[in-house]
Amino acid sequence: MKALNWIGLTIVILGALNWGLIGFFGFDVITTIFHGSYFWIARVIFALVGVAGLYALTFYGNFFETDELNYARYSRRH
């Protein structure tokens, strides 16, 4: 599971960097690399970034569960 989290987060970060370049400089790295007849690869990459973003939403649940568990453990000790 940790490997899937790492892969998902890496894809989200790369997608965010690409969107940052588009927003600040109007430069899209993915379509620059995969243009012409290879544009379908760019579409697959964009789809993977979207799926990874949806998967990253599940990280919020992990953060809240961890905080609640830590609070419960701390409360029992003190």
PDB file of N, CA and C in Angstrom:
ATOM      1  N   MET A   1       0.814  -1.194   0.000  1.00  0.00           N
ATOM      2  CA  MET A   1       0.000   0.000   0.000  1.00  0.00           C
ATOM      3  C   MET A   1       0.857   1.257   0.000  1.00  0.00           C
ATOM      4  N   LYS A   2       1.990   1.216   0.700  1.00  0.00           N
ATOM      5  CA  LYS A   2       2.848   2.392   0.727  1.00  0.00           C
ATOM      6  C   LYS A   2       3.411   2.708  -0.655  1.00  0.00           C
ATOM      7  N   ALA A   3       3.699   1.687  -1.444  1.00  0.00           N
ATOM      8  CA  ALA A   3       4.223   1.917  -2.793  1.00  0.00           C
ATOM      9  C   ALA A   3       3.169   2.618  -3.652  1.00  0.00           C
ATOM     10  N   LEU A   4       1.921   2.190  -3.523  1.00  0.00           N
ATOM     11  CA  LEU A   4       0.846   2.832  -4.279  1.00  0.00           C
ATOM     12  C   LEU A   4       0.665   4.287  -3.849  1.00  0.00           C
ATOM     13  N   ASN A   5       0.779   4.557  -2.557  1.00  0.00           N
ATOM     14  CA  ASN A   5       0.709   5.943  -2.072  1.00  0.00           C
ATOM     15  C   ASN A   5       1.846   6.775  -2.653  1.00  0.00           C
ATOM     16  N   TRP A   6       3.038   6.216  -2.673  1.00  0.00           N
ATOM     17  CA  TRP A   6       4.201   6.930  -3.177  1.00  0.00           C
ATOM     18  C   TRP A   6       4.038   7.230  -4.670  1.00  0.00           C
ATOM     19  N   ILE A   7       3.595   6.245  -5.431  1.00  0.00           N
ATOM     20  CA  ILE A   7       3.391   6.429  -6.871  1.00  0.00           C
ATOM     21  C   ILE A   7       2.305   7.469  -7.123  1.00  0.00           C
ATOM     22  N   GLY A   8       1.192   7.352  -6.410  1.00  0.00           N
ATOM     23  CA  GLY A   8       0.105   8.304  -6.580  1.00  0.00           C
ATOM     24  C   GLY A   8       0.523   9.718  -6.247  1.00  0.00           C
ATOM     25  N   LEU A   9       1.227   9.888  -5.144  1.00  0.00           N
ATOM     26  CA  LEU A   9       1.679  11.218  -4.750  1.00  0.00           C
ATOM     27  C   LEU A   9       2.689  11.786  -5.741  1.00  0.00           C
ATOM     28  N   THR A  10       3.562  10.949  -6.258  1.00  0.00           N
ATOM     29  CA  THR A  10       4.537  11.395  -7.252  1.00  0.00           C
ATOM     30  C   THR A  10       3.842  11.874  -8.519  1.00  0.00           C
ATOM     31  N   ILE A  11       2.845  11.146  -8.968  1.00  0.00           N
ATOM     32  CA  ILE A  11       2.102  11.556 -10.165  1.00  0.00           C
ATOM     33  C   ILE A  11       1.360  12.869  -9.922  1.00  0.00           C
ATOM     34  N   VAL A  12       0.771  13.019  -8.744  1.00  0.00           N
ATOM     35  CA  VAL A  12       0.069  14.264  -8.414  1.00  0.00           C
ATOM     36  C   VAL A  12       1.042  15.439  -8.399  1.00  0.00           C
ATOM     37  N   ILE A  13       2.215  15.244  -7.825  1.00  0.00           N
ATOM     38  CA  ILE A  13       3.212  16.321  -7.768  1.00  0.00           C
ATOM     39  C   ILE A  13       3.678  16.699  -9.171  1.00  0.00           C
ATOM     40  N   LEU A  14       3.954  15.706 -10.009  1.00  0.00           N
ATOM     41  CA  LEU A  14       4.370  16.008 -11.389  1.00  0.00           C
ATOM     42  C   LEU A  14       3.271  16.743 -12.144  1.00  0.00           C
ATOM     43  N   GLY A  15       2.026  16.327 -11.945  1.00  0.00           N
ATOM     44  CA  GLY A  15       0.903  17.022 -12.572  1.00  0.00           C
ATOM     45  C   GLY A  15       0.781  18.454 -12.077  1.00  0.00           C
ATOM     46  N   ALA A  16       0.983  18.652 -10.777  1.00  0.00           N
ATOM     47  CA  ALA A  16       0.915  19.996 -10.217  1.00  0.00           C
ATOM     48  C   ALA A  16       2.024  20.887 -10.769  1.00  0.00           C
ATOM     49  N   LEU A  17       3.219  20.321 -10.914  1.00  0.00           N
ATOM     50  CA  LEU A  17       4.316  21.103 -11.505  1.00  0.00           C
ATOM     51  C   LEU A  17       3.999  21.489 -12.946  1.00  0.00           C
ATOM     52  N   ASN A  18       3.415  20.566 -13.700  1.00  0.00           N
ATOM     53  CA  ASN A  18       3.046  20.866 -15.076  1.00  0.00           C
ATOM     54  C   ASN A  18       1.996  21.984 -15.114  1.00  0.00           C
ATOM     55  N   TRP A  19       0.986  21.898 -14.235  1.00  0.00           N
ATOM     56  CA  TRP A  19      -0.030  22.956 -14.196  1.00  0.00           C
ATOM     57  C   TRP A  19       0.558  24.281 -13.741  1.00  0.00           C
ATOM     58  N   GLY A  20       1.535  24.240 -12.857  1.00  0.00           N
ATOM     59  CA  GLY A  20       2.210  25.473 -12.456  1.00  0.00           C
ATOM     60  C   GLY A  20       2.934  26.128 -13.629  1.00  0.00           C
ATOM     61  N   LEU A  21       3.603  25.314 -14.430  1.00  0.00           N
ATOM     62  CA  LEU A  21       4.274  25.843 -15.619  1.00  0.00           C
ATOM     63  C   LEU A  21       3.274  26.417 -16.615  1.00  0.00           C
ATOM     64  N   ILE A  22       2.123  25.758 -16.749  1.00  0.00           N
ATOM     65  CA  ILE A  22       1.086  26.280 -17.647  1.00  0.00           C
ATOM     66  C   ILE A  22       0.569  27.616 -17.122  1.00  0.00           C
ATOM     67  N   GLY A  23       0.295  27.680 -15.832  1.00  0.00           N
ATOM     68  CA  GLY A  23      -0.252  28.896 -15.242  1.00  0.00           C
ATOM     69  C   GLY A  23       0.699  30.074 -15.260  1.00  0.00           C
ATOM     70  N   PHE A  24       1.957  29.836 -14.939  1.00  0.00           N
ATOM     71  CA  PHE A  24       2.911  30.930 -14.844  1.00  0.00           C
ATOM     72  C   PHE A  24       3.560  31.311 -16.173  1.00  0.00           C
ATOM     73  N   PHE A  25       3.813  30.326 -17.011  1.00  0.00           N
ATOM     74  CA  PHE A  25       4.581  30.586 -18.222  1.00  0.00           C
ATOM     75  C   PHE A  25       3.881  30.184 -19.511  1.00  0.00           C
ATOM     76  N   GLY A  26       2.707  29.563 -19.418  1.00  0.00           N
ATOM     77  CA  GLY A  26       2.006  29.106 -20.616  1.00  0.00           C
ATOM     78  C   GLY A  26       2.732  27.967 -21.320  1.00  0.00           C
ATOM     79  N   PHE A  27       3.507  27.207 -20.573  1.00  0.00           N
ATOM     80  CA  PHE A  27       4.297  26.122 -21.150  1.00  0.00           C
ATOM     81  C   PHE A  27       3.814  24.785 -20.608  1.00  0.00           C
ATOM     82  N   ASP A  28       3.348  23.913 -21.483  1.00  0.00           N
ATOM     83  CA  ASP A  28       2.858  22.592 -21.098  1.00  0.00           C
ATOM     84  C   ASP A  28       3.914  21.554 -21.481  1.00  0.00           C
ATOM     85  N   VAL A  29       4.583  21.019 -20.469  1.00  0.00           N
ATOM     86  CA  VAL A  29       5.670  20.073 -20.697  1.00  0.00           C
ATOM     87  C   VAL A  29       5.166  18.809 -21.389  1.00  0.00           C
ATOM     88  N   ILE A  30       4.050  18.287 -20.929  1.00  0.00           N
ATOM     89  CA  ILE A  30       3.545  17.007 -21.440  1.00  0.00           C
ATOM     90  C   ILE A  30       3.200  17.101 -22.923  1.00  0.00           C
ATOM     91  N   THR A  31       2.453  18.119 -23.320  1.00  0.00           N
ATOM     92  CA  THR A  31       2.088  18.225 -24.740  1.00  0.00           C
ATOM     93  C   THR A  31       3.288  18.632 -25.596  1.00  0.00           C
ATOM     94  N   THR A  32       4.274  19.280 -24.991  1.00  0.00           N
ATOM     95  CA  THR A  32       5.490  19.595 -25.740  1.00  0.00           C
ATOM     96  C   THR A  32       6.267  18.311 -26.055  1.00  0.00           C
ATOM     97  N   ILE A  33       6.334  17.420 -25.092  1.00  0.00           N
ATOM     98  CA  ILE A  33       7.059  16.159 -25.300  1.00  0.00           C
ATOM     99  C   ILE A  33       6.276  15.232 -26.218  1.00  0.00           C
ATOM    100  N   PHE A  34       4.983  15.111 -25.981  1.00  0.00           N
ATOM    101  CA  PHE A  34       4.142  14.162 -26.718  1.00  0.00           C
ATOM    102  C   PHE A  34       3.170  14.911 -27.624  1.00  0.00           C
ATOM    103  N   HIS A  35       3.669  15.491 -28.679  1.00  0.00           N
ATOM    104  CA  HIS A  35       2.811  16.200 -29.625  1.00  0.00           C
ATOM    105  C   HIS A  35       2.677  15.381 -30.911  1.00  0.00           C
ATOM    106  N   GLY A  36       1.820  15.837 -31.784  1.00  0.00           N
ATOM    107  CA  GLY A  36       1.633  15.147 -33.063  1.00  0.00           C
ATOM    108  C   GLY A  36       0.972  13.800 -32.886  1.00  0.00           C
ATOM    109  N   SER A  37       1.538  12.789 -33.483  1.00  0.00           N
ATOM    110  CA  SER A  37       0.932  11.457 -33.446  1.00  0.00           C
ATOM    111  C   SER A  37       1.045  10.801 -32.069  1.00  0.00           C
ATOM    112  N   TYR A  38       1.852  11.358 -31.174  1.00  0.00           N
ATOM    113  CA  TYR A  38       1.993  10.815 -29.825  1.00  0.00           C
ATOM    114  C   TYR A  38       1.116  11.526 -28.805  1.00  0.00           C
ATOM    115  N   PHE A  39       0.178  12.357 -29.280  1.00  0.00           N
ATOM    116  CA  PHE A  39      -0.667  13.097 -28.356  1.00  0.00           C
ATOM    117  C   PHE A  39      -1.511  12.173 -27.482  1.00  0.00           C
ATOM    118  N   TRP A  40      -1.798  10.981 -27.962  1.00  0.00           N
ATOM    119  CA  TRP A  40      -2.577  10.034 -27.155  1.00  0.00           C
ATOM    120  C   TRP A  40      -1.850   9.671 -25.866  1.00  0.00           C
ATOM    121  N   ILE A  41      -0.511   9.690 -25.905  1.00  0.00           N
ATOM    122  CA  ILE A  41       0.265   9.423 -24.688  1.00  0.00           C
ATOM    123  C   ILE A  41       0.040  10.547 -23.682  1.00  0.00           C
ATOM    124  N   ALA A  42      -0.005  11.781 -24.176  1.00  0.00           N
ATOM    125  CA  ALA A  42      -0.272  12.931 -23.297  1.00  0.00           C
ATOM    126  C   ALA A  42      -1.642  12.781 -22.644  1.00  0.00           C
ATOM    127  N   ARG A  43      -2.631  12.330 -23.409  1.00  0.00           N
ATOM    128  CA  ARG A  43      -3.976  12.141 -22.847  1.00  0.00           C
ATOM    129  C   ARG A  43      -3.969  11.055 -21.778  1.00  0.00           C
ATOM    130  N   VAL A  44      -3.206  10.001 -21.976  1.00  0.00           N
ATOM    131  CA  VAL A  44      -3.099   8.945 -20.968  1.00  0.00           C
ATOM    132  C   VAL A  44      -2.443   9.500 -19.707  1.00  0.00           C
ATOM    133  N   ILE A  45      -1.400  10.292 -19.867  1.00  0.00           N
ATOM    134  CA  ILE A  45      -0.728  10.896 -18.715  1.00  0.00           C
ATOM    135  C   ILE A  45      -1.677  11.810 -17.960  1.00  0.00           C
ATOM    136  N   PHE A  46      -2.441  12.635 -18.686  1.00  0.00           N
ATOM    137  CA  PHE A  46      -3.409  13.519 -18.030  1.00  0.00           C
ATOM    138  C   PHE A  46      -4.458  12.707 -17.280  1.00  0.00           C
ATOM    139  N   ALA A  47      -4.896  11.597 -17.855  1.00  0.00           N
ATOM    140  CA  ALA A  47      -5.873  10.739 -17.185  1.00  0.00           C
ATOM    141  C   ALA A  47      -5.274  10.130 -15.919  1.00  0.00           C
ATOM    142  N   LEU A  48      -4.016   9.697 -15.994  1.00  0.00           N
ATOM    143  CA  LEU A  48      -3.346   9.143 -14.813  1.00  0.00           C
ATOM    144  C   LEU A  48      -3.210  10.181 -13.700  1.00  0.00           C
ATOM    145  N   VAL A  49      -2.916  11.418 -14.082  1.00  0.00           N
ATOM    146  CA  VAL A  49      -2.825  12.498 -13.085  1.00  0.00           C
ATOM    147  C   VAL A  49      -4.184  12.697 -12.425  1.00  0.00           C
ATOM    148  N   GLY A  50      -5.256  12.661 -13.208  1.00  0.00           N
ATOM    149  CA  GLY A  50      -6.592  12.802 -12.645  1.00  0.00           C
ATOM    150  C   GLY A  50      -6.949  11.675 -11.702  1.00  0.00           C
ATOM    151  N   VAL A  51      -6.649  10.449 -12.090  1.00  0.00           N
ATOM    152  CA  VAL A  51      -6.923   9.287 -11.232  1.00  0.00           C
ATOM    153  C   VAL A  51      -6.074   9.362  -9.958  1.00  0.00           C
ATOM    154  N   ALA A  52      -4.820   9.760 -10.104  1.00  0.00           N
ATOM    155  CA  ALA A  52      -3.946   9.890  -8.930  1.00  0.00           C
ATOM    156  C   ALA A  52      -4.463  10.985  -7.999  1.00  0.00           C
ATOM    157  N   GLY A  53      -5.003  12.053  -8.564  1.00  0.00           N
ATOM    158  CA  GLY A  53      -5.589  13.107  -7.737  1.00  0.00           C
ATOM    159  C   GLY A  53      -6.777  12.604  -6.945  1.00  0.00           C
ATOM    160  N   LEU A  54      -7.625  11.815  -7.596  1.00  0.00           N
ATOM    161  CA  LEU A  54      -8.760  11.223  -6.882  1.00  0.00           C
ATOM    162  C   LEU A  54      -8.282  10.277  -5.789  1.00  0.00           C
ATOM    163  N   TYR A  55      -7.259   9.494  -6.092  1.00  0.00           N
ATOM    164  CA  TYR A  55      -6.701   8.587  -5.086  1.00  0.00           C
ATOM    165  C   TYR A  55      -6.101   9.377  -3.919  1.00  0.00           C
ATOM    166  N   ALA A  56      -5.477  10.509  -4.217  1.00  0.00           N
ATOM    167  CA  ALA A  56      -4.854  11.327  -3.174  1.00  0.00           C
ATOM    168  C   ALA A  56      -5.889  11.871  -2.194  1.00  0.00           C
ATOM    169  N   LEU A  57      -7.138  11.988  -2.622  1.00  0.00           N
ATOM    170  CA  LEU A  57      -8.184  12.429  -1.702  1.00  0.00           C
ATOM    171  C   LEU A  57      -8.332  11.465  -0.525  1.00  0.00           C
ATOM    172  N   THR A  58      -8.004  10.204  -0.744  1.00  0.00           N
ATOM    173  CA  THR A  58      -8.111   9.232   0.350  1.00  0.00           C
ATOM    174  C   THR A  58      -7.056   9.473   1.428  1.00  0.00           C
ATOM    175  N   PHE A  59      -6.016  10.237   1.117  1.00  0.00           N
ATOM    176  CA  PHE A  59      -4.994  10.536   2.114  1.00  0.00           C
ATOM    177  C   PHE A  59      -5.582  11.328   3.273  1.00  0.00           C
ATOM    178  N   TYR A  60      -6.608  12.141   3.016  1.00  0.00           N
ATOM    179  CA  TYR A  60      -7.233  12.910   4.084  1.00  0.00           C
ATOM    180  C   TYR A  60      -7.800  11.988   5.153  1.00  0.00           C
ATOM    181  N   GLY A  61      -8.414  10.906   4.741  1.00  0.00           N
ATOM    182  CA  GLY A  61      -8.939   9.946   5.704  1.00  0.00           C
ATOM    183  C   GLY A  61      -7.833   9.362   6.568  1.00  0.00           C
ATOM    184  N   ASN A  62      -6.690   9.097   5.972  1.00  0.00           N
ATOM    185  CA  ASN A  62      -5.557   8.565   6.730  1.00  0.00           C
ATOM    186  C   ASN A  62      -5.051   9.570   7.759  1.00  0.00           C
ATOM    187  N   PHE A  63      -5.031  10.851   7.409  1.00  0.00           N
ATOM    188  CA  PHE A  63      -4.571  11.873   8.348  1.00  0.00           C
ATOM    189  C   PHE A  63      -5.504  11.967   9.546  1.00  0.00           C
ATOM    190  N   PHE A  64      -6.814  11.964   9.285  1.00  0.00           N
ATOM    191  CA  PHE A  64      -7.771  12.089  10.373  1.00  0.00           C
ATOM    192  C   PHE A  64      -7.755  10.860  11.277  1.00  0.00           C
ATOM    193  N   GLU A  65      -7.639   9.685  10.692  1.00  0.00           N
ATOM    194  CA  GLU A  65      -7.576   8.474  11.505  1.00  0.00           C
ATOM    195  C   GLU A  65      -6.342   8.482  12.391  1.00  0.00           C
ATOM    196  N   THR A  66      -5.221   8.909  11.856  1.00  0.00           N
ATOM    197  CA  THR A  66      -3.979   8.959  12.622  1.00  0.00           C
ATOM    198  C   THR A  66      -4.105   9.939  13.773  1.00  0.00           C
ATOM    199  N   ASP A  67      -4.689  11.124  13.526  1.00  0.00           N
ATOM    200  CA  ASP A  67      -4.854  12.107  14.584  1.00  0.00           C
ATOM    201  C   ASP A  67      -5.780  11.590  15.680  1.00  0.00           C
ATOM    202  N   GLU A  68      -6.872  10.927  15.296  1.00  0.00           N
ATOM    203  CA  GLU A  68      -7.800  10.404  16.281  1.00  0.00           C
ATOM    204  C   GLU A  68      -7.156   9.292  17.105  1.00  0.00           C
ATOM    205  N   LEU A  69      -6.379   8.423  16.448  1.00  0.00           N
ATOM    206  CA  LEU A  69      -5.707   7.352  17.180  1.00  0.00           C
ATOM    207  C   LEU A  69      -4.670   7.913  18.138  1.00  0.00           C
ATOM    208  N   ASN A  70      -3.901   8.890  17.692  1.00  0.00           N
ATOM    209  CA  ASN A  70      -2.896   9.488  18.566  1.00  0.00           C
ATOM    210  C   ASN A  70      -3.557  10.182  19.754  1.00  0.00           C
ATOM    211  N   TYR A  71      -4.673  10.862  19.529  1.00  0.00           N
ATOM    212  CA  TYR A  71      -5.386  11.531  20.605  1.00  0.00           C
ATOM    213  C   TYR A  71      -5.917  10.512  21.609  1.00  0.00           C
ATOM    214  N   ALA A  72      -6.481   9.413  21.101  1.00  0.00           N
ATOM    215  CA  ALA A  72      -7.015   8.374  21.985  1.00  0.00           C
ATOM    216  C   ALA A  72      -5.900   7.748  22.818  1.00  0.00           C
ATOM    217  N   ARG A  73      -4.760   7.491  22.210  1.00  0.00           N
ATOM    218  CA  ARG A  73      -3.639   6.908  22.958  1.00  0.00           C
ATOM    219  C   ARG A  73      -3.118   7.871  24.023  1.00  0.00           C
ATOM    220  N   TYR A  74      -3.016   9.133  23.653  1.00  0.00           N
ATOM    221  CA  TYR A  74      -2.525  10.141  24.592  1.00  0.00           C
ATOM    222  C   TYR A  74      -3.511  10.320  25.744  1.00  0.00           C
ATOM    223  N   SER A  75      -4.803  10.294  25.451  1.00  0.00           N
ATOM    224  CA  SER A  75      -5.825  10.488  26.474  1.00  0.00           C
ATOM    225  C   SER A  75      -5.816   9.369  27.494  1.00  0.00           C
ATOM    226  N   ARG A  76      -5.577   8.146  27.038  1.00  0.00           N
ATOM    227  CA  ARG A  76      -5.574   7.012  27.969  1.00  0.00           C
ATOM    228  C   ARG A  76      -4.373   7.045  28.912  1.00  0.00           C
ATOM    229  N   ARG A  77      -3.276   7.581  28.453  1.00  0.00           N
ATOM    230  CA  ARG A  77      -2.066   7.615  29.274  1.00  0.00           C
ATOM    231  C   ARG A  77      -2.116   8.723  30.319  1.00  0.00           C
ATOM    232  N   HIS A  78      -2.783   9.812  30.007  1.00  0.00           N
ATOM    233  CA  HIS A  78      -2.746  10.978  30.896  1.00  0.00           C
ATOM    234  C   HIS A  78      -4.090  11.197  31.489  1.00  0.00           C
TER     235      HIS A  78
END
